[in-house]
Amino acid sequence: MSINLSKGQRIDLTKTNPGLTKAIVGLGWDTNRYDGGQDFDLDASAFLTDADGKVINDIDFVFYNNVKHPSGGVEHTGDNRTGEGDGDDEQIKINFSKVPSHVHRIAIAVTIHDANVRNQNFGQVSNAFVRVVNEDTNQEVLRYDLGEDFSVETAVVICELYRHGADWKFNAIGSGFSGGLAALCKNFGLQV
């Protein structure tokens, strides 16, 4: 049975779900009715950080141009450029047993591609969610619906998965950023 979380809630992932080693982080959204004449292209990404919340190597940033971490621990399944249809719009697969030991947190974010050029922001996005699915059983473990808390932001850190001893936990963050992907990268210590 899936658990619905609210912003700020934390939950055990691997401790309360014994045998969970492979997870699919599914992200979905809809765009509000709006006549801007431009497609809405949202992009999921994963920042694999150290204990201080910083990305040590560029390869620890997984997104549409770097879809698989060399360890095999984190993989982006592909860029959905329209967000059309029901269900997950983009997915990131995580194999906890392969995540390198220097990685303490995996922050999952969504950005709007060319947001400034297209005059787009998360105020025009609705029904955004993240869910974690056990890849082996295809059972949804948890879900976090973001709500409509954003207006001018062009990037959102949706959640993070983090180490707690030998286990992994999930934190529902929902924190917005202006400045898109570049601002997010700087936040995690990457040079843009």
Protein backbone atom coordinates (compact mmCIF):
# COMPACT_ATOMS: atom_id res chain seq x y z
CA MET A 1 0.00 0.00 0.00
CA SER A 2 1.34 3.41 -0.99
CA ILE A 3 1.88 6.20 1.55
CA ASN A 4 0.97 9.81 0.67
CA LEU A 5 3.40 12.39 2.03
CA SER A 6 3.20 16.11 2.68
CA LYS A 7 5.94 18.70 2.23
CA GLY A 8 8.68 18.24 4.83
CA GLN A 9 7.78 14.66 5.73
CA ARG A 10 10.50 12.04 5.91
CA ILE A 11 10.03 8.31 5.68
CA ASP A 12 12.17 5.18 5.77
CA LEU A 13 12.46 3.57 2.36
CA THR A 14 14.64 0.49 2.70
CA LYS A 15 14.04 -0.24 6.40
CA THR A 16 10.25 -0.41 6.12
CA ASN A 17 10.45 -2.11 2.71
CA PRO A 18 12.90 -5.00 3.21
CA GLY A 19 14.42 -6.14 -0.04
CA LEU A 20 13.94 -2.77 -1.78
CA THR A 21 17.17 -2.38 -3.71
CA LYS A 22 15.88 -1.03 -7.03
CA ALA A 23 13.49 1.91 -7.06
CA ILE A 24 11.88 3.88 -9.84
CA VAL A 25 11.37 7.55 -9.02
CA GLY A 26 8.49 8.58 -11.27
CA LEU A 27 7.74 12.25 -11.85
CA GLY A 28 4.63 13.67 -13.47
CA TRP A 29 2.93 17.00 -14.14
CA ASP A 30 0.35 18.79 -16.24
CA THR A 31 0.45 22.29 -17.66
CA ASN A 32 -2.34 24.73 -17.03
CA ARG A 33 -4.31 26.09 -19.94
CA TYR A 34 -2.21 28.86 -21.30
CA ASP A 35 -1.73 30.37 -24.72
CA GLY A 36 1.96 31.08 -24.94
CA GLY A 37 2.49 29.39 -28.27
CA GLN A 38 5.42 27.36 -26.91
CA ASP A 39 5.69 23.73 -25.85
CA PHE A 40 6.28 23.10 -22.17
CA ASP A 41 9.37 20.90 -21.67
CA LEU A 42 10.05 19.92 -18.07
CA ASP A 43 13.21 17.97 -17.27
CA ALA A 44 13.97 15.70 -14.33
CA SER A 45 17.50 15.44 -12.96
CA ALA A 46 19.36 13.84 -10.06
CA PHE A 47 22.17 15.46 -8.08
CA LEU A 48 24.32 12.86 -6.28
CA THR A 49 25.85 14.79 -3.41
CA ASP A 50 28.21 14.30 -0.52
CA ALA A 51 27.18 14.77 3.12
CA ASP A 52 27.44 18.56 2.68
CA GLY A 53 24.94 18.59 -0.18
CA LYS A 54 27.52 19.27 -2.89
CA VAL A 55 28.18 17.37 -6.12
CA ILE A 56 31.84 16.31 -6.13
CA ASN A 57 32.21 15.35 -9.82
CA ASP A 58 30.27 16.39 -12.92
CA ILE A 59 29.45 12.71 -13.52
CA ASP A 60 27.43 12.83 -10.26
CA PHE A 61 24.82 14.98 -12.06
CA VAL A 62 22.39 12.73 -13.96
CA PHE A 63 20.07 14.39 -16.49
CA TYR A 64 19.01 14.19 -20.15
CA ASN A 65 22.60 14.76 -21.41
CA ASN A 66 24.20 12.36 -18.89
CA VAL A 67 21.58 9.65 -18.47
CA LYS A 68 23.51 7.00 -16.57
CA HIS A 69 25.93 7.29 -13.67
CA PRO A 70 29.08 5.19 -14.30
CA SER A 71 28.32 3.11 -11.17
CA GLY A 72 24.96 2.03 -12.59
CA GLY A 73 23.37 3.32 -9.38
CA VAL A 74 21.31 6.10 -10.98
CA GLU A 75 19.82 6.20 -14.48
CA HIS A 76 17.54 8.70 -16.23
CA THR A 77 15.21 6.78 -18.57
CA GLY A 78 14.84 9.57 -21.14
CA ASP A 79 13.57 13.05 -21.86
CA ASN A 80 9.82 13.54 -22.37
CA ARG A 81 9.59 16.87 -24.20
CA THR A 82 5.82 17.40 -23.92
CA GLY A 83 4.57 15.82 -20.68
CA GLU A 84 1.57 14.47 -22.59
CA GLY A 85 -0.40 11.52 -21.29
CA ASP A 86 -1.15 10.04 -17.90
CA GLY A 87 1.25 8.54 -15.41
CA ASP A 88 4.95 9.30 -15.06
CA ASP A 89 6.32 11.87 -17.49
CA GLU A 90 9.95 11.07 -16.66
CA GLN A 91 11.62 8.42 -14.50
CA ILE A 92 14.91 8.02 -12.70
CA LYS A 93 15.92 4.51 -11.66
CA ILE A 94 18.00 4.00 -8.53
CA ASN A 95 19.83 0.83 -7.56
CA PHE A 96 20.75 1.47 -3.92
CA SER A 97 23.31 -1.36 -3.89
CA LYS A 98 25.31 0.37 -6.65
CA VAL A 99 25.25 3.98 -5.42
CA PRO A 100 28.88 4.93 -4.65
CA SER A 101 29.82 5.30 -0.98
CA HIS A 102 30.76 9.00 -1.39
CA VAL A 103 27.13 9.76 -2.30
CA HIS A 104 25.05 10.55 0.78
CA ARG A 105 22.06 12.23 -0.89
CA ILE A 106 20.30 11.99 -4.22
CA ALA A 107 18.33 15.19 -4.82
CA ILE A 108 15.63 14.88 -7.48
CA ALA A 109 14.73 18.11 -9.27
CA VAL A 110 12.59 19.28 -12.16
CA THR A 111 13.43 22.30 -14.31
CA ILE A 112 11.63 24.04 -17.17
CA HIS A 113 13.74 23.97 -20.34
CA ASP A 114 14.28 27.48 -21.80
CA ALA A 115 11.88 28.90 -19.20
CA ASN A 116 13.07 32.51 -19.57
CA VAL A 117 13.01 32.45 -23.37
CA ARG A 118 9.54 30.90 -23.39
CA ASN A 119 8.26 33.05 -20.46
CA GLN A 120 7.29 29.94 -18.48
CA ASN A 121 7.33 29.10 -14.76
CA PHE A 122 5.97 26.58 -12.26
CA GLY A 123 2.91 28.77 -11.68
CA GLN A 124 1.76 27.32 -15.02
CA VAL A 125 2.26 23.72 -13.86
CA SER A 126 -0.32 21.69 -11.96
CA ASN A 127 -0.76 18.17 -10.60
CA ALA A 128 2.99 17.72 -10.13
CA PHE A 129 3.96 14.59 -8.22
CA VAL A 130 6.77 12.23 -7.42
CA ARG A 131 6.31 8.58 -6.57
CA VAL A 132 8.66 5.78 -5.63
CA VAL A 133 7.98 2.34 -7.06
CA ASN A 134 9.69 -0.92 -6.14
CA GLU A 135 11.10 -1.94 -9.55
CA ASP A 136 11.07 -5.66 -8.71
CA THR A 137 7.39 -5.80 -7.65
CA ASN A 138 6.05 -2.76 -9.55
CA GLN A 139 4.36 -1.68 -6.29
CA GLU A 140 4.13 2.02 -5.48
CA VAL A 141 5.80 2.61 -2.10
CA LEU A 142 5.05 6.31 -1.63
CA ARG A 143 3.73 9.40 -3.36
CA TYR A 144 4.21 13.11 -2.80
CA ASP A 145 1.87 15.56 -4.55
CA LEU A 146 3.46 19.00 -4.72
CA GLY A 147 0.32 21.12 -4.72
CA GLU A 148 0.14 24.58 -6.27
CA ASP A 149 2.66 26.45 -4.12
CA PHE A 150 4.77 27.92 -6.91
CA SER A 151 4.50 31.05 -9.03
CA VAL A 152 7.65 32.46 -10.68
CA GLU A 153 10.02 29.55 -9.98
CA THR A 154 11.65 27.77 -12.93
CA ALA A 155 13.21 24.87 -10.99
CA VAL A 156 12.01 22.75 -8.07
CA VAL A 157 13.90 20.33 -5.84
CA ILE A 158 11.10 17.83 -5.40
CA CYS A 159 12.64 15.34 -2.99
CA GLU A 160 15.81 13.70 -1.83
CA LEU A 161 16.75 10.18 -0.98
CA TYR A 162 19.45 10.03 1.66
CA ARG A 163 21.53 7.55 3.60
CA HIS A 164 20.74 6.90 7.24
CA GLY A 165 23.27 4.34 8.44
CA ALA A 166 22.83 1.31 6.21
CA ASP A 167 19.34 2.38 5.12
CA TRP A 168 17.88 4.96 2.71
CA LYS A 169 15.19 7.49 3.57
CA PHE A 170 12.96 9.81 1.53
CA ASN A 171 12.46 13.53 2.24
CA ALA A 172 9.58 15.43 0.57
CA ILE A 173 11.19 18.83 -0.09
CA GLY A 174 9.22 20.87 -2.67
CA SER A 175 11.62 23.85 -2.71
CA GLY A 176 11.45 26.26 -5.66
CA PHE A 177 14.28 28.19 -7.34
CA SER A 178 14.33 31.04 -9.81
CA GLY A 179 17.08 30.92 -12.41
CA GLY A 180 16.33 27.44 -13.76
CA LEU A 181 18.89 24.70 -14.14
CA ALA A 182 21.85 27.08 -13.81
CA ALA A 183 20.72 28.25 -10.35
CA LEU A 184 20.12 24.68 -9.28
CA CYS A 185 23.57 23.55 -10.46
CA LYS A 186 25.24 26.38 -8.52
CA ASN A 187 23.23 25.42 -5.43
CA PHE A 188 24.72 21.91 -5.62
CA GLY A 189 28.27 23.17 -6.24
CA LEU A 190 28.50 22.63 -9.99
CA GLN A 191 30.16 25.17 -12.28
CA VAL A 192 27.84 26.33 -15.07
